[in-house]
Amino acid sequence: MDSFRSEMEHLHLEKVKELKLREQQAMERIRQRDQDVEKAAYEHRQKVLKEEELLRYRENDSKKTVEMELYFVKAEKDRMAQTIRDYELKIADLETLKLRLEKQKLEDIERFKSEYQRQMKDHDFEIHRRRLALDEDEHQVSLSKDRLANAETRLKAADEELTKLRTEFYTLQKQNQLDQKELFESRD
């Protein structure tokens, strides 16, 4: 009877070790996925900052021709407003996705969100004055939307993978707890 119990305990310990190894591997995959998400978010922020710098430069250049372009700006105002709304919706979707993906890093998200909102207010102000160069700006916005859609797709895929890894991690963790409980009860 003791040898059977000893053998069962040995098998159980082996199973616990295997579950702990799988749990560690799952944690490493989650950590790697988090790093990938952080890298994608950083690259996106850098692209937005670069675009804003370029747009500020164009705005300064556009101020010189305000008088000549006023009629054109009035005619294109509605179309630009729709483009801005579409762009802001894409930004809002990306923010929502990022909040969901980085739930465990809430402080970093809040800092990013605050900075991003400030940038967006600055960006909105600049768009208002940049309307004189609308054709070029629309082209830039179109390129930005494509990049944003690509980033959103990548982030959504990363979110799905992260959710899958977390589910697997929690399942392994629960199984490990049950196995430890069984081992403890079998020792009693």
C-alpha atoms as a PDB file:
ATOM      1  CA  MET A   1       0.000   0.000   0.000  1.00  0.00           C
ATOM      2  CA  ASP A   2       2.852   2.406   0.864  1.00  0.00           C
ATOM      3  CA  SER A   3       4.617   1.689  -2.408  1.00  0.00           C
ATOM      4  CA  PHE A   4       1.398   2.360  -4.313  1.00  0.00           C
ATOM      5  CA  ARG A   5       0.889   5.601  -2.439  1.00  0.00           C
ATOM      6  CA  SER A   6       4.525   6.546  -3.003  1.00  0.00           C
ATOM      7  CA  GLU A   7       4.196   5.800  -6.699  1.00  0.00           C
ATOM      8  CA  MET A   8       0.988   7.845  -6.904  1.00  0.00           C
ATOM      9  CA  GLU A   9       2.652  10.755  -5.122  1.00  0.00           C
ATOM     10  CA  HIS A  10       5.603  10.501  -7.495  1.00  0.00           C
ATOM     11  CA  LEU A  11       3.271  10.531 -10.533  1.00  0.00           C
ATOM     12  CA  HIS A  12       1.349  13.431  -9.077  1.00  0.00           C
ATOM     13  CA  LEU A  13       4.562  15.401  -8.447  1.00  0.00           C
ATOM     14  CA  GLU A  14       5.651  14.763 -12.019  1.00  0.00           C
ATOM     15  CA  LYS A  15       2.300  16.039 -13.267  1.00  0.00           C
ATOM     16  CA  VAL A  16       2.598  19.150 -11.072  1.00  0.00           C
ATOM     17  CA  LYS A  17       6.103  19.799 -12.412  1.00  0.00           C
ATOM     18  CA  GLU A  18       4.833  19.443 -15.966  1.00  0.00           C
ATOM     19  CA  LEU A  19       1.929  21.838 -15.259  1.00  0.00           C
ATOM     20  CA  LYS A  20       4.307  24.361 -13.685  1.00  0.00           C
ATOM     21  CA  LEU A  21       6.547  24.173 -16.748  1.00  0.00           C
ATOM     22  CA  ARG A  22       3.549  24.740 -19.040  1.00  0.00           C
ATOM     23  CA  GLU A  23       2.438  27.607 -16.822  1.00  0.00           C
ATOM     24  CA  GLN A  24       5.901  29.211 -17.080  1.00  0.00           C
ATOM     25  CA  GLN A  25       5.875  28.777 -20.853  1.00  0.00           C
ATOM     26  CA  ALA A  26       2.428  30.379 -21.074  1.00  0.00           C
ATOM     27  CA  MET A  27       3.631  33.310 -18.938  1.00  0.00           C
ATOM     28  CA  GLU A  28       6.617  33.772 -21.275  1.00  0.00           C
ATOM     29  CA  ARG A  29       4.334  33.820 -24.326  1.00  0.00           C
ATOM     30  CA  ILE A  30       2.100  36.372 -22.615  1.00  0.00           C
ATOM     31  CA  ARG A  31       5.121  38.522 -21.734  1.00  0.00           C
ATOM     32  CA  GLN A  32       6.375  38.338 -25.314  1.00  0.00           C
ATOM     33  CA  ARG A  33       2.949  39.253 -26.669  1.00  0.00           C
ATOM     34  CA  ASP A  34       2.794  42.218 -24.254  1.00  0.00           C
ATOM     35  CA  GLN A  35       6.186  43.380 -25.534  1.00  0.00           C
ATOM     36  CA  ASP A  36       4.971  43.092 -29.134  1.00  0.00           C
ATOM     37  CA  VAL A  37       1.863  45.135 -28.308  1.00  0.00           C
ATOM     38  CA  GLU A  38       3.981  47.793 -26.555  1.00  0.00           C
ATOM     39  CA  LYS A  39       6.301  47.960 -29.567  1.00  0.00           C
ATOM     40  CA  ALA A  40       3.377  48.365 -31.999  1.00  0.00           C
ATOM     41  CA  ALA A  41       1.844  51.098 -29.826  1.00  0.00           C
ATOM     42  CA  TYR A  42       5.199  52.910 -29.597  1.00  0.00           C
ATOM     43  CA  GLU A  43       5.691  52.761 -33.377  1.00  0.00           C
ATOM     44  CA  HIS A  44       2.179  54.072 -33.908  1.00  0.00           C
ATOM     45  CA  ARG A  45       2.762  56.982 -31.512  1.00  0.00           C
ATOM     46  CA  GLN A  46       6.019  57.821 -33.322  1.00  0.00           C
ATOM     47  CA  LYS A  47       4.237  57.837 -36.688  1.00  0.00           C
ATOM     48  CA  VAL A  48       1.514  60.113 -35.343  1.00  0.00           C
ATOM     49  CA  LEU A  49       4.101  62.509 -33.874  1.00  0.00           C
ATOM     50  CA  LYS A  50       5.998  62.581 -37.157  1.00  0.00           C
ATOM     51  CA  GLU A  51       2.792  63.276 -39.081  1.00  0.00           C
ATOM     52  CA  GLU A  52       1.882  66.075 -36.687  1.00  0.00           C
ATOM     53  CA  GLU A  53       5.306  67.678 -37.143  1.00  0.00           C
ATOM     54  CA  LEU A  54       4.907  67.499 -40.892  1.00  0.00           C
ATOM     55  CA  LEU A  55       1.419  68.966 -40.628  1.00  0.00           C
ATOM     56  CA  ARG A  56       2.685  71.855 -38.455  1.00  0.00           C
ATOM     57  CA  TYR A  57       5.292  72.647 -41.085  1.00  0.00           C
ATOM     58  CA  ARG A  58       2.635  72.687 -43.790  1.00  0.00           C
ATOM     59  CA  GLU A  59       0.406  74.875 -41.658  1.00  0.00           C
ATOM     60  CA  ASN A  60       3.125  77.521 -41.344  1.00  0.00           C
ATOM     61  CA  ASP A  61       3.585  77.420 -45.090  1.00  0.00           C
ATOM     62  CA  SER A  62      -0.182  77.634 -45.657  1.00  0.00           C
ATOM     63  CA  LYS A  63      -0.625  80.792 -43.556  1.00  0.00           C
ATOM     64  CA  LYS A  64       1.075  82.793 -46.320  1.00  0.00           C
ATOM     65  CA  THR A  65      -1.740  82.015 -48.772  1.00  0.00           C
ATOM     66  CA  VAL A  66      -4.804  82.346 -46.498  1.00  0.00           C
ATOM     67  CA  GLU A  67      -6.383  85.205 -48.454  1.00  0.00           C
ATOM     68  CA  MET A  68      -6.191  83.420 -51.832  1.00  0.00           C
ATOM     69  CA  GLU A  69      -7.437  80.047 -50.546  1.00  0.00           C
ATOM     70  CA  LEU A  70     -10.397  81.180 -48.407  1.00  0.00           C
ATOM     71  CA  TYR A  71     -13.054  80.408 -51.023  1.00  0.00           C
ATOM     72  CA  PHE A  72     -11.611  76.923 -51.601  1.00  0.00           C
ATOM     73  CA  VAL A  73     -11.529  76.209 -47.861  1.00  0.00           C
ATOM     74  CA  LYS A  74     -15.200  77.123 -47.447  1.00  0.00           C
ATOM     75  CA  ALA A  75     -16.185  74.809 -50.310  1.00  0.00           C
ATOM     76  CA  GLU A  76     -14.203  71.872 -48.866  1.00  0.00           C
ATOM     77  CA  LYS A  77     -15.140  72.411 -45.214  1.00  0.00           C
ATOM     78  CA  ASP A  78     -17.880  69.761 -45.035  1.00  0.00           C
ATOM     79  CA  ARG A  79     -15.778  67.096 -46.690  1.00  0.00           C
ATOM     80  CA  MET A  80     -12.832  67.776 -44.386  1.00  0.00           C
ATOM     81  CA  ALA A  81     -15.139  67.666 -41.336  1.00  0.00           C
ATOM     82  CA  GLN A  82     -16.301  64.181 -42.359  1.00  0.00           C
ATOM     83  CA  THR A  83     -12.691  63.095 -42.859  1.00  0.00           C
ATOM     84  CA  ILE A  84     -11.829  64.372 -39.398  1.00  0.00           C
ATOM     85  CA  ARG A  85     -14.767  62.491 -37.842  1.00  0.00           C
ATOM     86  CA  ASP A  86     -13.686  59.282 -39.578  1.00  0.00           C
ATOM     87  CA  TYR A  87     -10.123  59.795 -38.379  1.00  0.00           C
ATOM     88  CA  GLU A  88     -11.263  60.456 -34.800  1.00  0.00           C
ATOM     89  CA  LEU A  89     -13.444  57.319 -34.858  1.00  0.00           C
ATOM     90  CA  LYS A  90     -10.438  55.269 -35.922  1.00  0.00           C
ATOM     91  CA  ILE A  91      -8.393  56.811 -33.107  1.00  0.00           C
ATOM     92  CA  ALA A  92     -11.182  56.072 -30.599  1.00  0.00           C
ATOM     93  CA  ASP A  93     -11.383  52.446 -31.809  1.00  0.00           C
ATOM     94  CA  LEU A  94      -7.634  52.088 -31.406  1.00  0.00           C
ATOM     95  CA  GLU A  95      -7.785  53.562 -27.888  1.00  0.00           C
ATOM     96  CA  THR A  96     -10.535  51.103 -26.917  1.00  0.00           C
ATOM     97  CA  LEU A  97      -8.528  48.194 -28.264  1.00  0.00           C
ATOM     98  CA  LYS A  98      -5.393  49.305 -26.484  1.00  0.00           C
ATOM     99  CA  LEU A  99      -7.232  49.686 -23.174  1.00  0.00           C
ATOM    100  CA  ARG A 100      -8.522  46.129 -23.490  1.00  0.00           C
ATOM    101  CA  LEU A 101      -5.112  44.690 -24.424  1.00  0.00           C
ATOM    102  CA  GLU A 102      -3.167  46.526 -21.732  1.00  0.00           C
ATOM    103  CA  LYS A 103      -5.661  46.212 -18.860  1.00  0.00           C
ATOM    104  CA  GLN A 104      -2.905  45.093 -16.456  1.00  0.00           C
ATOM    105  CA  LYS A 105      -0.838  48.216 -17.191  1.00  0.00           C
ATOM    106  CA  LEU A 106      -3.477  50.808 -16.366  1.00  0.00           C
ATOM    107  CA  GLU A 107      -1.094  53.508 -15.187  1.00  0.00           C
ATOM    108  CA  ASP A 108       0.875  53.447 -18.441  1.00  0.00           C
ATOM    109  CA  ILE A 109      -2.360  53.556 -20.456  1.00  0.00           C
ATOM    110  CA  GLU A 110      -3.677  56.544 -18.510  1.00  0.00           C
ATOM    111  CA  ARG A 111      -0.444  58.461 -19.111  1.00  0.00           C
ATOM    112  CA  PHE A 112      -0.558  57.590 -22.808  1.00  0.00           C
ATOM    113  CA  LYS A 113      -4.256  58.451 -23.067  1.00  0.00           C
ATOM    114  CA  SER A 114      -3.765  61.834 -21.422  1.00  0.00           C
ATOM    115  CA  GLU A 115      -0.826  62.674 -23.680  1.00  0.00           C
ATOM    116  CA  TYR A 116      -2.660  61.393 -26.723  1.00  0.00           C
ATOM    117  CA  GLN A 117      -5.764  63.458 -25.957  1.00  0.00           C
ATOM    118  CA  ARG A 118      -3.596  66.558 -25.605  1.00  0.00           C
ATOM    119  CA  GLN A 119      -1.983  65.771 -28.926  1.00  0.00           C
ATOM    120  CA  MET A 120      -5.362  65.254 -30.520  1.00  0.00           C
ATOM    121  CA  LYS A 121      -6.567  68.666 -29.266  1.00  0.00           C
ATOM    122  CA  ASP A 122      -3.445  70.227 -30.741  1.00  0.00           C
ATOM    123  CA  HIS A 123      -3.984  68.215 -33.889  1.00  0.00           C
ATOM    124  CA  ASP A 124      -7.623  69.384 -34.179  1.00  0.00           C
ATOM    125  CA  PHE A 125      -6.508  72.999 -33.832  1.00  0.00           C
ATOM    126  CA  GLU A 126      -3.874  72.482 -36.501  1.00  0.00           C
ATOM    127  CA  ILE A 127      -6.352  70.822 -38.849  1.00  0.00           C
ATOM    128  CA  HIS A 128      -8.577  73.893 -38.570  1.00  0.00           C
ATOM    129  CA  ARG A 129      -5.736  76.156 -39.743  1.00  0.00           C
ATOM    130  CA  ARG A 130      -4.381  73.612 -42.246  1.00  0.00           C
ATOM    131  CA  ARG A 131      -7.484  73.558 -44.381  1.00  0.00           C
ATOM    132  CA  LEU A 132      -5.805  75.787 -46.946  1.00  0.00           C
ATOM    133  CA  ALA A 133      -3.729  72.845 -48.160  1.00  0.00           C
ATOM    134  CA  LEU A 134      -6.660  70.424 -48.155  1.00  0.00           C
ATOM    135  CA  ASP A 135      -5.777  68.284 -51.187  1.00  0.00           C
ATOM    136  CA  GLU A 136      -2.360  67.405 -49.803  1.00  0.00           C
ATOM    137  CA  ASP A 137      -3.724  66.983 -46.283  1.00  0.00           C
ATOM    138  CA  GLU A 138      -6.454  64.629 -47.517  1.00  0.00           C
ATOM    139  CA  HIS A 139      -3.812  62.500 -49.149  1.00  0.00           C
ATOM    140  CA  GLN A 140      -1.866  62.381 -45.857  1.00  0.00           C
ATOM    141  CA  VAL A 141      -5.014  61.549 -43.892  1.00  0.00           C
ATOM    142  CA  SER A 142      -5.799  58.744 -46.348  1.00  0.00           C
ATOM    143  CA  LEU A 143      -2.326  57.299 -45.840  1.00  0.00           C
ATOM    144  CA  SER A 144      -2.725  57.664 -42.072  1.00  0.00           C
ATOM    145  CA  LYS A 145      -6.073  55.850 -42.152  1.00  0.00           C
ATOM    146  CA  ASP A 146      -4.518  52.950 -44.073  1.00  0.00           C
ATOM    147  CA  ARG A 147      -1.689  52.709 -41.551  1.00  0.00           C
ATOM    148  CA  LEU A 148      -4.159  52.983 -38.702  1.00  0.00           C
ATOM    149  CA  ALA A 149      -6.315  50.205 -40.168  1.00  0.00           C
ATOM    150  CA  ASN A 150      -3.224  48.012 -40.508  1.00  0.00           C
ATOM    151  CA  ALA A 151      -2.185  48.778 -36.934  1.00  0.00           C
ATOM    152  CA  GLU A 152      -5.742  48.057 -35.721  1.00  0.00           C
ATOM    153  CA  THR A 153      -5.744  44.721 -37.527  1.00  0.00           C
ATOM    154  CA  ARG A 154      -2.376  43.794 -36.011  1.00  0.00           C
ATOM    155  CA  LEU A 155      -3.463  44.871 -32.557  1.00  0.00           C
ATOM    156  CA  LYS A 156      -6.762  42.988 -32.857  1.00  0.00           C
ATOM    157  CA  ALA A 157      -4.870  39.811 -33.829  1.00  0.00           C
ATOM    158  CA  ALA A 158      -2.498  40.379 -30.899  1.00  0.00           C
ATOM    159  CA  ASP A 159      -5.493  40.839 -28.578  1.00  0.00           C
ATOM    160  CA  GLU A 160      -7.041  37.582 -29.734  1.00  0.00           C
ATOM    161  CA  GLU A 161      -3.747  35.755 -29.195  1.00  0.00           C
ATOM    162  CA  LEU A 162      -3.285  37.367 -25.786  1.00  0.00           C
ATOM    163  CA  THR A 163      -6.832  36.404 -24.764  1.00  0.00           C
ATOM    164  CA  LYS A 164      -6.170  32.842 -25.894  1.00  0.00           C
ATOM    165  CA  LEU A 165      -2.886  32.699 -23.952  1.00  0.00           C
ATOM    166  CA  ARG A 166      -4.502  34.138 -20.832  1.00  0.00           C
ATOM    167  CA  THR A 167      -7.313  31.572 -21.039  1.00  0.00           C
ATOM    168  CA  GLU A 168      -4.751  28.800 -21.374  1.00  0.00           C
ATOM    169  CA  PHE A 169      -2.741  30.238 -18.475  1.00  0.00           C
ATOM    170  CA  TYR A 170      -5.784  30.455 -16.192  1.00  0.00           C
ATOM    171  CA  THR A 171      -6.819  26.909 -17.143  1.00  0.00           C
ATOM    172  CA  LEU A 172      -3.324  25.602 -16.356  1.00  0.00           C
ATOM    173  CA  GLN A 173      -3.241  27.573 -13.129  1.00  0.00           C
ATOM    174  CA  LYS A 174      -6.621  26.145 -12.014  1.00  0.00           C
ATOM    175  CA  GLN A 175      -5.507  22.616 -12.931  1.00  0.00           C
ATOM    176  CA  ASN A 176      -2.282  23.124 -10.990  1.00  0.00           C
ATOM    177  CA  GLN A 177      -4.242  24.286  -7.934  1.00  0.00           C
ATOM    178  CA  LEU A 178      -6.549  21.264  -8.170  1.00  0.00           C
ATOM    179  CA  ASP A 179      -3.577  18.915  -8.513  1.00  0.00           C
ATOM    180  CA  GLN A 180      -1.843  20.488  -5.524  1.00  0.00           C
ATOM    181  CA  LYS A 181      -5.039  20.195  -3.492  1.00  0.00           C
ATOM    182  CA  GLU A 182      -5.374  16.534  -4.471  1.00  0.00           C
ATOM    183  CA  LEU A 183      -1.746  15.921  -3.519  1.00  0.00           C
ATOM    184  CA  PHE A 184      -2.227  17.626  -0.173  1.00  0.00           C
ATOM    185  CA  GLU A 185      -5.398  15.640   0.512  1.00  0.00           C
ATOM    186  CA  SER A 186      -3.774  12.388  -0.529  1.00  0.00           C
ATOM    187  CA  ARG A 187      -0.921  13.010   1.943  1.00  0.00           C
ATOM    188  CA  ASP A 188      -3.461  13.406   4.738  1.00  0.00           C
END
